[in-house]
Amino acid sequence: MSMKAKLIVQSALFFVLAFTLLFLPAGTLDFWEAWAYLGIIFIPMVVFTIYYYKRDPELVRRRMQYREKVKEQKWIMRVGTIVTVVGTVIPGLDHRLGWTRKLFGRVPLWLEICALVIALAGYLETMWVMDVNRFAARTIQVEEGQKVISTGPYSVVRHPLYAGGVLMWLASAPALGSYVAMPFFLLMIPTFVLRILNEERVLRQGLPGYPEYCERVQYRLVPHVW
């Protein structure tokens, strides 16, 4: 199968999975927050993929790889997958059963819209990171010819890709109209932390200049915090 065909299949499966996890628990398609959430994920993703498929197919190829080679990362990603699935299912159940409305009252429209904007900003940040660092693979690895990137977002924190991901996950629960889902989305933060710590160990061992870069840029995820 060609890379183009694999890309189409992967994208279609990802959309079907996300659609199912959001709308099947909700029991209805009348869930505008989920439609908006899917839109802010998939519209930029499609535009980004088409653009880089023509401009830098190697970056797209790296982003299509899901199999981790590092043992510790395999376990971290399994936990992350479970947390992602559960966190995505909860807002749909909440929409159907009204947990948030009964316990706290409906999430205000202004907060839902603000959260959607923040989630979009986090997602767009990850795309900016991949534009700056063309070796930003989905799996943890060091490739031949890979260099340390210290410009753009990498001049602020060492893992801006995860910073964008955290921003998106923190906004996801209110964006989907669910306070109840927030604890499940928050569980992704320790998953990111474990992934970062292990990734740094791999990069320190295999990427020339990375230890020096860590000395120059002190913070991993959030400036002046960690």
N, C-alpha and C. Protein backbone atom coordinates (compact mmCIF):
# COMPACT_ATOMS: atom_id res chain seq x y z
N MET A 1 0.85 -1.20 0.00
CA MET A 1 0.00 0.00 0.00
C MET A 1 0.88 1.25 0.00
N SER A 2 0.57 2.21 -0.85
CA SER A 2 1.34 3.44 -0.94
C SER A 2 1.14 4.28 0.32
N MET A 3 2.06 5.23 0.52
CA MET A 3 1.93 6.09 1.69
C MET A 3 0.65 6.91 1.62
N LYS A 4 0.27 7.34 0.41
CA LYS A 4 -0.96 8.11 0.26
C LYS A 4 -2.18 7.30 0.69
N ALA A 5 -2.22 6.03 0.26
CA ALA A 5 -3.34 5.17 0.63
C ALA A 5 -3.36 4.92 2.13
N LYS A 6 -2.18 4.66 2.73
CA LYS A 6 -2.11 4.45 4.17
C LYS A 6 -2.57 5.69 4.93
N LEU A 7 -2.19 6.84 4.42
CA LEU A 7 -2.56 8.10 5.06
C LEU A 7 -4.08 8.29 5.05
N ILE A 8 -4.69 7.99 3.93
CA ILE A 8 -6.15 8.12 3.82
C ILE A 8 -6.85 7.15 4.77
N VAL A 9 -6.36 5.91 4.81
CA VAL A 9 -6.96 4.89 5.67
C VAL A 9 -6.81 5.26 7.13
N GLN A 10 -5.60 5.67 7.53
CA GLN A 10 -5.36 6.06 8.93
C GLN A 10 -6.24 7.23 9.34
N SER A 11 -6.33 8.24 8.48
CA SER A 11 -7.14 9.42 8.79
C SER A 11 -8.61 9.05 8.92
N ALA A 12 -9.09 8.21 8.01
CA ALA A 12 -10.50 7.80 8.04
C ALA A 12 -10.80 7.00 9.30
N LEU A 13 -9.90 6.08 9.66
CA LEU A 13 -10.10 5.29 10.87
C LEU A 13 -10.07 6.15 12.12
N PHE A 14 -9.17 7.11 12.14
CA PHE A 14 -9.08 8.02 13.28
C PHE A 14 -10.37 8.82 13.44
N PHE A 15 -10.91 9.31 12.32
CA PHE A 15 -12.15 10.07 12.37
C PHE A 15 -13.31 9.20 12.85
N VAL A 16 -13.40 7.99 12.30
CA VAL A 16 -14.48 7.08 12.69
C VAL A 16 -14.39 6.75 14.18
N LEU A 17 -13.17 6.50 14.66
CA LEU A 17 -12.99 6.18 16.08
C LEU A 17 -13.39 7.36 16.96
N ALA A 18 -12.90 8.56 16.63
CA ALA A 18 -13.24 9.74 17.43
C ALA A 18 -14.74 10.01 17.39
N PHE A 19 -15.33 9.89 16.22
CA PHE A 19 -16.78 10.09 16.06
C PHE A 19 -17.56 9.11 16.92
N THR A 20 -17.14 7.85 16.90
CA THR A 20 -17.82 6.81 17.67
C THR A 20 -17.70 7.04 19.16
N LEU A 21 -16.49 7.39 19.62
CA LEU A 21 -16.27 7.59 21.05
C LEU A 21 -17.03 8.79 21.60
N LEU A 22 -17.28 9.77 20.75
CA LEU A 22 -18.01 10.95 21.19
C LEU A 22 -19.52 10.79 21.10
N PHE A 23 -19.99 10.28 19.96
CA PHE A 23 -21.43 10.30 19.70
C PHE A 23 -22.17 9.04 20.15
N LEU A 24 -21.50 7.89 20.13
CA LEU A 24 -22.19 6.67 20.55
C LEU A 24 -22.60 6.74 22.02
N PRO A 25 -21.71 7.16 22.95
CA PRO A 25 -22.15 7.29 24.35
C PRO A 25 -23.23 8.36 24.52
N ALA A 26 -23.20 9.40 23.68
CA ALA A 26 -24.19 10.47 23.78
C ALA A 26 -25.57 9.99 23.33
N GLY A 27 -25.59 9.00 22.46
CA GLY A 27 -26.86 8.46 21.98
C GLY A 27 -27.62 9.39 21.05
N THR A 28 -26.93 10.41 20.53
CA THR A 28 -27.57 11.38 19.65
C THR A 28 -26.51 12.12 18.85
N LEU A 29 -26.93 12.65 17.70
CA LEU A 29 -26.05 13.51 16.92
C LEU A 29 -26.26 14.98 17.28
N ASP A 30 -27.24 15.24 18.14
CA ASP A 30 -27.52 16.59 18.59
C ASP A 30 -26.58 16.95 19.74
N PHE A 31 -25.33 17.15 19.41
CA PHE A 31 -24.25 17.37 20.37
C PHE A 31 -23.27 18.33 19.70
N TRP A 32 -23.63 19.61 19.67
CA TRP A 32 -22.87 20.57 18.87
C TRP A 32 -21.44 20.72 19.35
N GLU A 33 -21.23 20.57 20.67
CA GLU A 33 -19.86 20.69 21.19
C GLU A 33 -18.95 19.62 20.58
N ALA A 34 -19.47 18.41 20.41
CA ALA A 34 -18.66 17.34 19.82
C ALA A 34 -18.37 17.62 18.35
N TRP A 35 -19.37 18.15 17.62
CA TRP A 35 -19.13 18.53 16.21
C TRP A 35 -18.05 19.60 16.11
N ALA A 36 -18.13 20.60 16.99
CA ALA A 36 -17.14 21.68 16.97
C ALA A 36 -15.75 21.14 17.33
N TYR A 37 -15.71 20.23 18.30
CA TYR A 37 -14.44 19.65 18.74
C TYR A 37 -13.80 18.85 17.62
N LEU A 38 -14.60 18.04 16.94
CA LEU A 38 -14.08 17.29 15.80
C LEU A 38 -13.58 18.23 14.72
N GLY A 39 -14.28 19.34 14.52
CA GLY A 39 -13.88 20.30 13.50
C GLY A 39 -12.53 20.92 13.77
N ILE A 40 -12.28 21.31 15.03
CA ILE A 40 -11.01 21.97 15.33
C ILE A 40 -9.84 20.99 15.29
N ILE A 41 -10.13 19.70 15.34
CA ILE A 41 -9.07 18.70 15.21
C ILE A 41 -8.84 18.31 13.76
N PHE A 42 -9.91 17.96 13.08
CA PHE A 42 -9.76 17.34 11.77
C PHE A 42 -9.56 18.33 10.63
N ILE A 43 -10.16 19.50 10.69
CA ILE A 43 -9.94 20.47 9.61
C ILE A 43 -8.48 20.91 9.54
N PRO A 44 -7.86 21.34 10.66
CA PRO A 44 -6.43 21.67 10.59
C PRO A 44 -5.57 20.46 10.23
N MET A 45 -5.95 19.28 10.73
CA MET A 45 -5.17 18.09 10.44
C MET A 45 -5.15 17.79 8.95
N VAL A 46 -6.30 17.89 8.29
CA VAL A 46 -6.38 17.63 6.86
C VAL A 46 -5.55 18.66 6.08
N VAL A 47 -5.70 19.94 6.45
CA VAL A 47 -4.94 21.00 5.77
C VAL A 47 -3.45 20.78 5.95
N PHE A 48 -3.03 20.51 7.20
CA PHE A 48 -1.62 20.28 7.51
C PHE A 48 -1.08 19.09 6.73
N THR A 49 -1.84 18.00 6.70
CA THR A 49 -1.38 16.78 6.05
C THR A 49 -1.22 16.97 4.54
N ILE A 50 -2.18 17.60 3.92
CA ILE A 50 -2.10 17.84 2.47
C ILE A 50 -0.90 18.73 2.15
N TYR A 51 -0.72 19.77 2.96
CA TYR A 51 0.38 20.72 2.73
C TYR A 51 1.73 20.03 2.83
N TYR A 52 1.94 19.24 3.90
CA TYR A 52 3.24 18.62 4.10
C TYR A 52 3.41 17.34 3.29
N TYR A 53 2.33 16.75 2.84
CA TYR A 53 2.47 15.60 1.95
C TYR A 53 3.15 16.03 0.66
N LYS A 54 2.87 17.26 0.24
CA LYS A 54 3.48 17.79 -0.98
C LYS A 54 4.84 18.42 -0.69
N ARG A 55 4.97 19.06 0.47
CA ARG A 55 6.20 19.82 0.77
C ARG A 55 7.27 18.99 1.46
N ASP A 56 6.86 18.13 2.39
CA ASP A 56 7.82 17.33 3.16
C ASP A 56 7.20 15.99 3.52
N PRO A 57 7.14 15.06 2.55
CA PRO A 57 6.51 13.76 2.82
C PRO A 57 7.18 12.96 3.92
N GLU A 58 8.47 13.21 4.18
CA GLU A 58 9.16 12.49 5.25
C GLU A 58 8.58 12.84 6.62
N LEU A 59 8.19 14.09 6.80
CA LEU A 59 7.55 14.49 8.06
C LEU A 59 6.23 13.75 8.23
N VAL A 60 5.46 13.66 7.16
CA VAL A 60 4.19 12.94 7.21
C VAL A 60 4.43 11.47 7.53
N ARG A 61 5.46 10.91 6.92
CA ARG A 61 5.78 9.49 7.17
C ARG A 61 6.11 9.27 8.65
N ARG A 62 6.88 10.18 9.23
CA ARG A 62 7.22 10.06 10.65
C ARG A 62 5.96 10.13 11.53
N ARG A 63 5.04 11.02 11.16
CA ARG A 63 3.82 11.17 11.96
C ARG A 63 2.86 9.99 11.80
N MET A 64 3.09 9.16 10.78
CA MET A 64 2.23 8.00 10.56
C MET A 64 2.68 6.79 11.36
N GLN A 65 3.86 6.86 11.97
CA GLN A 65 4.40 5.73 12.72
C GLN A 65 3.86 5.74 14.15
N TYR A 66 3.32 4.60 14.57
CA TYR A 66 2.71 4.51 15.90
C TYR A 66 3.42 3.50 16.81
N ARG A 67 4.21 2.63 16.25
CA ARG A 67 4.83 1.57 17.05
C ARG A 67 6.08 2.07 17.74
N GLU A 68 6.00 2.12 19.06
CA GLU A 68 7.14 2.56 19.85
C GLU A 68 8.22 1.47 19.88
N LYS A 69 9.47 1.91 19.84
CA LYS A 69 10.59 0.98 19.90
C LYS A 69 11.16 0.87 21.32
N VAL A 70 10.99 1.93 22.11
CA VAL A 70 11.50 1.95 23.48
C VAL A 70 10.50 1.26 24.39
N LYS A 71 10.97 0.29 25.18
CA LYS A 71 10.11 -0.53 26.02
C LYS A 71 9.25 0.31 26.96
N GLU A 72 9.88 1.27 27.65
CA GLU A 72 9.13 2.09 28.61
C GLU A 72 8.04 2.89 27.91
N GLN A 73 8.33 3.36 26.70
CA GLN A 73 7.34 4.15 25.97
C GLN A 73 6.13 3.31 25.56
N LYS A 74 6.33 2.04 25.32
CA LYS A 74 5.22 1.16 24.97
C LYS A 74 4.19 1.13 26.10
N TRP A 75 4.69 0.99 27.33
CA TRP A 75 3.78 0.95 28.48
C TRP A 75 3.13 2.31 28.73
N ILE A 76 3.91 3.38 28.58
CA ILE A 76 3.37 4.72 28.78
C ILE A 76 2.26 5.00 27.78
N MET A 77 2.45 4.61 26.53
CA MET A 77 1.46 4.87 25.49
C MET A 77 0.22 4.00 25.66
N ARG A 78 0.38 2.81 26.21
CA ARG A 78 -0.79 1.98 26.50
C ARG A 78 -1.67 2.64 27.55
N VAL A 79 -1.03 3.15 28.59
CA VAL A 79 -1.78 3.87 29.62
C VAL A 79 -2.43 5.11 29.01
N GLY A 80 -1.67 5.84 28.19
CA GLY A 80 -2.19 7.04 27.55
C GLY A 80 -3.39 6.74 26.65
N THR A 81 -3.35 5.62 25.97
CA THR A 81 -4.47 5.23 25.11
C THR A 81 -5.72 4.96 25.93
N ILE A 82 -5.56 4.26 27.05
CA ILE A 82 -6.71 3.98 27.92
C ILE A 82 -7.31 5.27 28.45
N VAL A 83 -6.45 6.18 28.93
CA VAL A 83 -6.93 7.46 29.46
C VAL A 83 -7.63 8.26 28.37
N THR A 84 -7.08 8.25 27.16
CA THR A 84 -7.68 8.98 26.04
C THR A 84 -9.06 8.45 25.71
N VAL A 85 -9.18 7.14 25.64
CA VAL A 85 -10.47 6.53 25.30
C VAL A 85 -11.51 6.84 26.37
N VAL A 86 -11.15 6.64 27.63
CA VAL A 86 -12.10 6.91 28.72
C VAL A 86 -12.48 8.39 28.75
N GLY A 87 -11.46 9.25 28.62
CA GLY A 87 -11.73 10.69 28.65
C GLY A 87 -12.62 11.15 27.52
N THR A 88 -12.52 10.50 26.37
CA THR A 88 -13.35 10.88 25.22
C THR A 88 -14.77 10.35 25.36
N VAL A 89 -14.95 9.22 26.02
CA VAL A 89 -16.28 8.62 26.19
C VAL A 89 -17.11 9.38 27.23
N ILE A 90 -16.48 9.86 28.30
CA ILE A 90 -17.20 10.49 29.41
C ILE A 90 -18.07 11.68 28.97
N PRO A 91 -17.57 12.62 28.15
CA PRO A 91 -18.42 13.75 27.77
C PRO A 91 -19.71 13.32 27.07
N GLY A 92 -19.64 12.28 26.24
CA GLY A 92 -20.85 11.79 25.59
C GLY A 92 -21.85 11.22 26.58
N LEU A 93 -21.36 10.44 27.54
CA LEU A 93 -22.24 9.91 28.59
C LEU A 93 -22.81 11.06 29.42
N ASP A 94 -21.98 12.05 29.70
CA ASP A 94 -22.43 13.20 30.47
C ASP A 94 -23.52 13.96 29.71
N HIS A 95 -23.35 14.07 28.39
CA HIS A 95 -24.36 14.75 27.57
C HIS A 95 -25.69 14.00 27.63
N ARG A 96 -25.61 12.68 27.65
CA ARG A 96 -26.85 11.86 27.67
C ARG A 96 -27.48 11.85 29.05
N LEU A 97 -26.66 11.68 30.10
CA LEU A 97 -27.19 11.47 31.44
C LEU A 97 -27.27 12.73 32.29
N GLY A 98 -26.61 13.80 31.83
CA GLY A 98 -26.73 15.09 32.52
C GLY A 98 -26.03 15.19 33.85
N TRP A 99 -24.90 14.50 34.03
CA TRP A 99 -24.19 14.55 35.30
C TRP A 99 -23.76 15.98 35.64
N THR A 100 -23.13 16.66 34.68
CA THR A 100 -22.67 18.02 34.93
C THR A 100 -23.84 18.95 35.25
N ARG A 101 -24.92 18.85 34.49
CA ARG A 101 -26.07 19.73 34.72
C ARG A 101 -26.67 19.51 36.11
N LYS A 102 -26.72 18.26 36.55
CA LYS A 102 -27.30 17.95 37.85
C LYS A 102 -26.39 18.37 39.01
N LEU A 103 -25.07 18.21 38.83
CA LEU A 103 -24.15 18.48 39.93
C LEU A 103 -23.70 19.94 40.00
N PHE A 104 -23.46 20.54 38.85
CA PHE A 104 -22.86 21.87 38.83
C PHE A 104 -23.65 22.91 38.04
N GLY A 105 -24.59 22.47 37.26
CA GLY A 105 -25.23 23.37 36.33
C GLY A 105 -24.54 23.32 34.98
N ARG A 106 -25.22 23.70 33.94
CA ARG A 106 -24.68 23.63 32.59
C ARG A 106 -23.43 24.48 32.43
N VAL A 107 -22.47 23.99 31.66
CA VAL A 107 -21.27 24.77 31.35
C VAL A 107 -21.69 25.99 30.53
N PRO A 108 -21.35 27.19 30.96
CA PRO A 108 -21.77 28.39 30.22
C PRO A 108 -21.27 28.38 28.78
N LEU A 109 -22.07 28.91 27.89
CA LEU A 109 -21.71 28.94 26.47
C LEU A 109 -20.39 29.66 26.25
N TRP A 110 -20.18 30.78 26.96
CA TRP A 110 -18.94 31.53 26.76
C TRP A 110 -17.72 30.70 27.14
N LEU A 111 -17.86 29.86 28.19
CA LEU A 111 -16.75 29.03 28.62
C LEU A 111 -16.49 27.92 27.60
N GLU A 112 -17.55 27.34 27.06
CA GLU A 112 -17.39 26.32 26.03
C GLU A 112 -16.65 26.87 24.82
N ILE A 113 -17.05 28.08 24.40
CA ILE A 113 -16.41 28.69 23.23
C ILE A 113 -14.95 29.03 23.51
N CYS A 114 -14.69 29.59 24.69
CA CYS A 114 -13.30 29.90 25.07
C CYS A 114 -12.46 28.64 25.12
N ALA A 115 -13.03 27.56 25.66
CA ALA A 115 -12.30 26.29 25.76
C ALA A 115 -12.01 25.72 24.37
N LEU A 116 -12.96 25.85 23.45
CA LEU A 116 -12.75 25.40 22.08
C LEU A 116 -11.62 26.19 21.42
N VAL A 117 -11.58 27.50 21.67
CA VAL A 117 -10.51 28.33 21.12
C VAL A 117 -9.15 27.93 21.70
N ILE A 118 -9.12 27.67 23.00
CA ILE A 118 -7.87 27.24 23.65
C ILE A 118 -7.42 25.88 23.12
N ALA A 119 -8.37 24.97 22.97
CA ALA A 119 -8.04 23.65 22.42
C ALA A 119 -7.48 23.78 21.01
N LEU A 120 -8.08 24.64 20.22
CA LEU A 120 -7.58 24.87 18.86
C LEU A 120 -6.18 25.47 18.90
N ALA A 121 -5.96 26.42 19.81
CA ALA A 121 -4.64 27.04 19.94
C ALA A 121 -3.58 26.00 20.30
N GLY A 122 -3.93 25.10 21.23
CA GLY A 122 -3.00 24.04 21.60
C GLY A 122 -2.68 23.13 20.43
N TYR A 123 -3.72 22.81 19.65
CA TYR A 123 -3.52 21.94 18.49
C TYR A 123 -2.68 22.62 17.43
N LEU A 124 -2.93 23.91 17.18
CA LEU A 124 -2.14 24.65 16.20
C LEU A 124 -0.69 24.80 16.65
N GLU A 125 -0.49 24.87 17.97
CA GLU A 125 0.89 24.94 18.47
C GLU A 125 1.66 23.68 18.11
N THR A 126 1.01 22.53 18.21
CA THR A 126 1.70 21.28 17.85
C THR A 126 2.09 21.30 16.38
N MET A 127 1.27 21.91 15.53
CA MET A 127 1.61 22.00 14.11
C MET A 127 2.77 22.95 13.88
N TRP A 128 2.80 24.04 14.65
CA TRP A 128 3.93 24.96 14.56
C TRP A 128 5.22 24.24 14.95
N VAL A 129 5.15 23.44 16.00
CA VAL A 129 6.32 22.69 16.44
C VAL A 129 6.82 21.77 15.34
N MET A 130 5.91 21.07 14.68
CA MET A 130 6.31 20.16 13.62
C MET A 130 6.88 20.90 12.41
N ASP A 131 6.46 22.14 12.21
CA ASP A 131 7.02 22.94 11.13
C ASP A 131 8.45 23.35 11.46
N VAL A 132 8.71 23.62 12.74
CA VAL A 132 10.05 24.00 13.18
C VAL A 132 10.97 22.79 13.24
N ASN A 133 10.44 21.67 13.72
CA ASN A 133 11.23 20.45 13.90
C ASN A 133 10.67 19.35 13.01
N ARG A 134 11.26 19.14 11.85
CA ARG A 134 10.76 18.15 10.92
C ARG A 134 11.04 16.71 11.37
N PHE A 135 11.80 16.55 12.47
CA PHE A 135 12.05 15.22 13.03
C PHE A 135 11.10 14.91 14.18
N ALA A 136 10.04 15.70 14.31
CA ALA A 136 9.07 15.49 15.40
C ALA A 136 8.18 14.29 15.07
N ALA A 137 8.73 13.11 15.29
CA ALA A 137 7.98 11.89 15.00
C ALA A 137 6.95 11.62 16.08
N ARG A 138 6.02 10.72 15.78
CA ARG A 138 5.01 10.35 16.77
C ARG A 138 5.59 9.38 17.80
N THR A 139 6.66 8.68 17.43
CA THR A 139 7.31 7.74 18.33
C THR A 139 8.66 8.31 18.78
N ILE A 140 9.18 7.77 19.88
CA ILE A 140 10.45 8.25 20.41
C ILE A 140 11.59 7.55 19.69
N GLN A 141 12.40 8.34 18.98
CA GLN A 141 13.50 7.77 18.22
C GLN A 141 14.50 8.87 17.89
N VAL A 142 15.73 8.45 17.55
CA VAL A 142 16.75 9.36 17.05
C VAL A 142 17.15 8.86 15.68
N GLU A 143 16.96 9.70 14.66
CA GLU A 143 17.25 9.30 13.30
C GLU A 143 18.60 9.83 12.84
N GLU A 144 19.13 9.22 11.80
CA GLU A 144 20.37 9.68 11.22
C GLU A 144 20.16 11.09 10.63
N GLY A 145 21.07 11.98 10.95
CA GLY A 145 20.97 13.34 10.45
C GLY A 145 20.13 14.26 11.32
N GLN A 146 19.55 13.72 12.39
CA GLN A 146 18.72 14.54 13.26
C GLN A 146 19.58 15.49 14.07
N LYS A 147 19.11 16.72 14.22
CA LYS A 147 19.84 17.74 14.96
C LYS A 147 18.97 18.32 16.07
N VAL A 148 19.62 18.91 17.06
CA VAL A 148 18.91 19.58 18.13
C VAL A 148 18.29 20.87 17.59
N ILE A 149 17.02 21.07 17.85
CA ILE A 149 16.33 22.30 17.45
C ILE A 149 16.19 23.19 18.68
N SER A 150 16.64 24.43 18.55
CA SER A 150 16.59 25.34 19.71
C SER A 150 15.93 26.68 19.35
N THR A 151 15.28 26.75 18.19
CA THR A 151 14.63 27.98 17.77
C THR A 151 13.12 27.89 17.98
N GLY A 152 12.43 29.02 17.77
CA GLY A 152 10.98 29.03 17.89
C GLY A 152 10.53 28.59 19.27
N PRO A 153 9.53 27.71 19.34
CA PRO A 153 9.02 27.28 20.64
C PRO A 153 10.05 26.50 21.45
N TYR A 154 11.06 25.93 20.77
CA TYR A 154 12.09 25.17 21.48
C TYR A 154 13.04 26.09 22.26
N SER A 155 12.97 27.38 22.02
CA SER A 155 13.79 28.31 22.80
C SER A 155 13.12 28.65 24.14
N VAL A 156 11.85 28.25 24.30
CA VAL A 156 11.09 28.55 25.51
C VAL A 156 11.02 27.33 26.42
N VAL A 157 10.60 26.19 25.88
CA VAL A 157 10.55 24.93 26.62
C VAL A 157 11.12 23.82 25.75
N ARG A 158 11.57 22.75 26.40
CA ARG A 158 12.22 21.68 25.66
C ARG A 158 11.24 20.77 24.94
N HIS A 159 9.97 20.78 25.37
CA HIS A 159 8.98 19.89 24.77
C HIS A 159 7.71 20.66 24.41
N PRO A 160 7.80 21.59 23.47
CA PRO A 160 6.64 22.39 23.11
C PRO A 160 5.51 21.58 22.47
N LEU A 161 5.85 20.44 21.86
CA LEU A 161 4.81 19.60 21.28
C LEU A 161 3.86 19.10 22.36
N TYR A 162 4.43 18.67 23.48
CA TYR A 162 3.61 18.21 24.60
C TYR A 162 2.92 19.37 25.30
N ALA A 163 3.56 20.54 25.30
CA ALA A 163 2.93 21.71 25.90
C ALA A 163 1.63 22.04 25.18
N GLY A 164 1.66 21.96 23.85
CA GLY A 164 0.44 22.17 23.08
C GLY A 164 -0.59 21.10 23.37
N GLY A 165 -0.12 19.86 23.53
CA GLY A 165 -1.03 18.76 23.84
C GLY A 165 -1.70 18.93 25.19
N VAL A 166 -0.92 19.35 26.18
CA VAL A 166 -1.49 19.58 27.52
C VAL A 166 -2.53 20.69 27.47
N LEU A 167 -2.22 21.78 26.75
CA LEU A 167 -3.16 22.89 26.63
C LEU A 167 -4.48 22.41 26.01
N MET A 168 -4.36 21.58 25.00
CA MET A 168 -5.56 21.06 24.34
C MET A 168 -6.35 20.14 25.27
N TRP A 169 -5.68 19.27 26.00
CA TRP A 169 -6.37 18.33 26.88
C TRP A 169 -7.04 19.05 28.04
N LEU A 170 -6.40 20.07 28.59
CA LEU A 170 -6.99 20.81 29.71
C LEU A 170 -8.27 21.52 29.29
N ALA A 171 -8.33 21.94 28.03
CA ALA A 171 -9.52 22.65 27.54
C ALA A 171 -10.59 21.71 27.03
N SER A 172 -10.29 20.45 26.85
CA SER A 172 -11.22 19.53 26.18
C SER A 172 -12.52 19.31 26.95
N ALA A 173 -12.42 19.14 28.27
CA ALA A 173 -13.64 18.85 29.04
C ALA A 173 -14.66 19.99 28.96
N PRO A 174 -14.28 21.23 29.30
CA PRO A 174 -15.28 22.30 29.15
C PRO A 174 -15.67 22.56 27.70
N ALA A 175 -14.75 22.31 26.76
CA ALA A 175 -15.09 22.48 25.35
C ALA A 175 -16.20 21.52 24.94
N LEU A 176 -16.24 20.35 25.58
CA LEU A 176 -17.26 19.35 25.29
C LEU A 176 -18.45 19.45 26.26
N GLY A 177 -18.49 20.54 27.03
CA GLY A 177 -19.63 20.78 27.91
C GLY A 177 -19.70 19.88 29.12
N SER A 178 -18.53 19.43 29.62
CA SER A 178 -18.53 18.47 30.72
C SER A 178 -17.50 18.82 31.78
N TYR A 179 -17.97 19.16 32.98
CA TYR A 179 -17.05 19.30 34.12
C TYR A 179 -16.64 17.93 34.65
N VAL A 180 -17.54 16.98 34.56
CA VAL A 180 -17.29 15.64 35.11
C VAL A 180 -16.11 14.97 34.41
N ALA A 181 -15.89 15.30 33.13
CA ALA A 181 -14.81 14.66 32.38
C ALA A 181 -13.44 15.23 32.73
N MET A 182 -13.39 16.38 33.42
CA MET A 182 -12.11 17.03 33.68
C MET A 182 -11.09 16.14 34.38
N PRO A 183 -11.44 15.39 35.45
CA PRO A 183 -10.44 14.54 36.11
C PRO A 183 -9.82 13.51 35.15
N PHE A 184 -10.60 13.01 34.22
CA PHE A 184 -10.08 12.01 33.29
C PHE A 184 -9.09 12.63 32.31
N PHE A 185 -9.39 13.85 31.86
CA PHE A 185 -8.45 14.53 30.97
C PHE A 185 -7.19 14.95 31.72
N LEU A 186 -7.33 15.28 33.00
CA LEU A 186 -6.17 15.66 33.81
C LEU A 186 -5.20 14.50 33.98
N LEU A 187 -5.70 13.27 33.88
CA LEU A 187 -4.84 12.10 34.01
C LEU A 187 -3.80 12.02 32.89
N MET A 188 -4.03 12.77 31.81
CA MET A 188 -3.05 12.76 30.72
C MET A 188 -1.77 13.49 31.11
N ILE A 189 -1.85 14.40 32.08
CA ILE A 189 -0.66 15.17 32.45
C ILE A 189 0.45 14.27 33.01
N PRO A 190 0.17 13.39 34.00
CA PRO A 190 1.25 12.48 34.44
C PRO A 190 1.73 11.57 33.32
N THR A 191 0.87 11.24 32.38
CA THR A 191 1.30 10.43 31.23
C THR A 191 2.30 11.21 30.40
N PHE A 192 2.03 12.50 30.16
CA PHE A 192 2.97 13.35 29.43
C PHE A 192 4.29 13.46 30.19
N VAL A 193 4.20 13.63 31.50
CA VAL A 193 5.41 13.78 32.31
C VAL A 193 6.30 12.55 32.21
N LEU A 194 5.70 11.37 32.35
CA LEU A 194 6.47 10.13 32.24
C LEU A 194 7.09 9.98 30.85
N ARG A 195 6.33 10.33 29.84
CA ARG A 195 6.83 10.23 28.47
C ARG A 195 8.01 11.18 28.25
N ILE A 196 7.89 12.40 28.78
CA ILE A 196 8.96 13.38 28.63
C ILE A 196 10.24 12.92 29.32
N LEU A 197 10.13 12.44 30.55
CA LEU A 197 11.31 12.02 31.31
C LEU A 197 12.04 10.88 30.60
N ASN A 198 11.29 9.92 30.08
CA ASN A 198 11.91 8.82 29.35
C ASN A 198 12.49 9.29 28.02
N GLU A 199 11.76 10.18 27.34
CA GLU A 199 12.24 10.69 26.06
C GLU A 199 13.56 11.43 26.22
N GLU A 200 13.67 12.21 27.29
CA GLU A 200 14.91 12.95 27.52
C GLU A 200 16.08 12.00 27.75
N ARG A 201 15.82 10.90 28.42
CA ARG A 201 16.88 9.93 28.63
C ARG A 201 17.37 9.37 27.29
N VAL A 202 16.44 9.09 26.41
CA VAL A 202 16.79 8.57 25.08
C VAL A 202 17.56 9.61 24.28
N LEU A 203 17.10 10.85 24.31
CA LEU A 203 17.74 11.92 23.52
C LEU A 203 19.12 12.27 24.08
N ARG A 204 19.26 12.25 25.39
CA ARG A 204 20.57 12.54 25.98
C ARG A 204 21.61 11.50 25.55
N GLN A 205 21.16 10.26 25.40
CA GLN A 205 22.08 9.19 25.03
C GLN A 205 22.37 9.16 23.52
N GLY A 206 21.38 9.53 22.70
CA GLY A 206 21.54 9.31 21.27
C GLY A 206 21.61 10.53 20.39
N LEU A 207 21.29 11.73 20.91
CA LEU A 207 21.27 12.92 20.06
C LEU A 207 22.39 13.88 20.47
N PRO A 208 23.41 14.02 19.65
CA PRO A 208 24.53 14.90 19.98
C PRO A 208 24.07 16.34 20.23
N GLY A 209 24.55 16.93 21.30
CA GLY A 209 24.23 18.31 21.62
C GLY A 209 23.00 18.48 22.49
N TYR A 210 22.27 17.40 22.75
CA TYR A 210 21.05 17.53 23.53
C TYR A 210 21.32 17.87 25.00
N PRO A 211 22.33 17.27 25.65
CA PRO A 211 22.61 17.65 27.05
C PRO A 211 22.92 19.14 27.18
N GLU A 212 23.67 19.69 26.22
CA GLU A 212 24.00 21.12 26.25
C GLU A 212 22.74 21.97 26.05
N TYR A 213 21.86 21.49 25.18
CA TYR A 213 20.60 22.20 24.95
C TYR A 213 19.77 22.24 26.23
N CYS A 214 19.77 21.14 26.99
CA CYS A 214 19.01 21.08 28.25
C CYS A 214 19.55 22.07 29.27
N GLU A 215 20.86 22.33 29.20
CA GLU A 215 21.44 23.31 30.12
C GLU A 215 21.02 24.73 29.75
N ARG A 216 20.85 24.98 28.44
CA ARG A 216 20.46 26.32 27.99
C ARG A 216 18.97 26.59 28.22
N VAL A 217 18.13 25.59 27.94
CA VAL A 217 16.69 25.73 28.11
C VAL A 217 16.29 24.90 29.32
N GLN A 218 15.98 25.55 30.42
CA GLN A 218 15.82 24.87 31.70
C GLN A 218 14.49 24.15 31.84
N TYR A 219 13.44 24.69 31.24
CA TYR A 219 12.10 24.18 31.51
C TYR A 219 11.64 23.20 30.44
N ARG A 220 11.01 22.13 30.90
CA ARG A 220 10.57 21.08 29.99
C ARG A 220 9.23 21.39 29.34
N LEU A 221 8.26 21.79 30.15
CA LEU A 221 6.88 21.86 29.67
C LEU A 221 6.23 23.23 29.85
N VAL A 222 6.42 23.81 31.04
CA VAL A 222 5.80 25.11 31.35
C VAL A 222 6.89 26.04 31.87
N PRO A 223 7.08 27.22 31.24
CA PRO A 223 8.11 28.15 31.69
C PRO A 223 7.94 28.52 33.16
N HIS A 224 9.07 28.47 33.89
CA HIS A 224 9.14 28.86 35.30
C HIS A 224 8.36 27.92 36.22
N VAL A 225 7.91 26.79 35.70
CA VAL A 225 7.20 25.80 36.52
C VAL A 225 7.95 24.47 36.49
N TRP A 226 8.10 23.89 35.28
CA TRP A 226 8.76 22.58 35.16
C TRP A 226 9.30 22.39 33.74
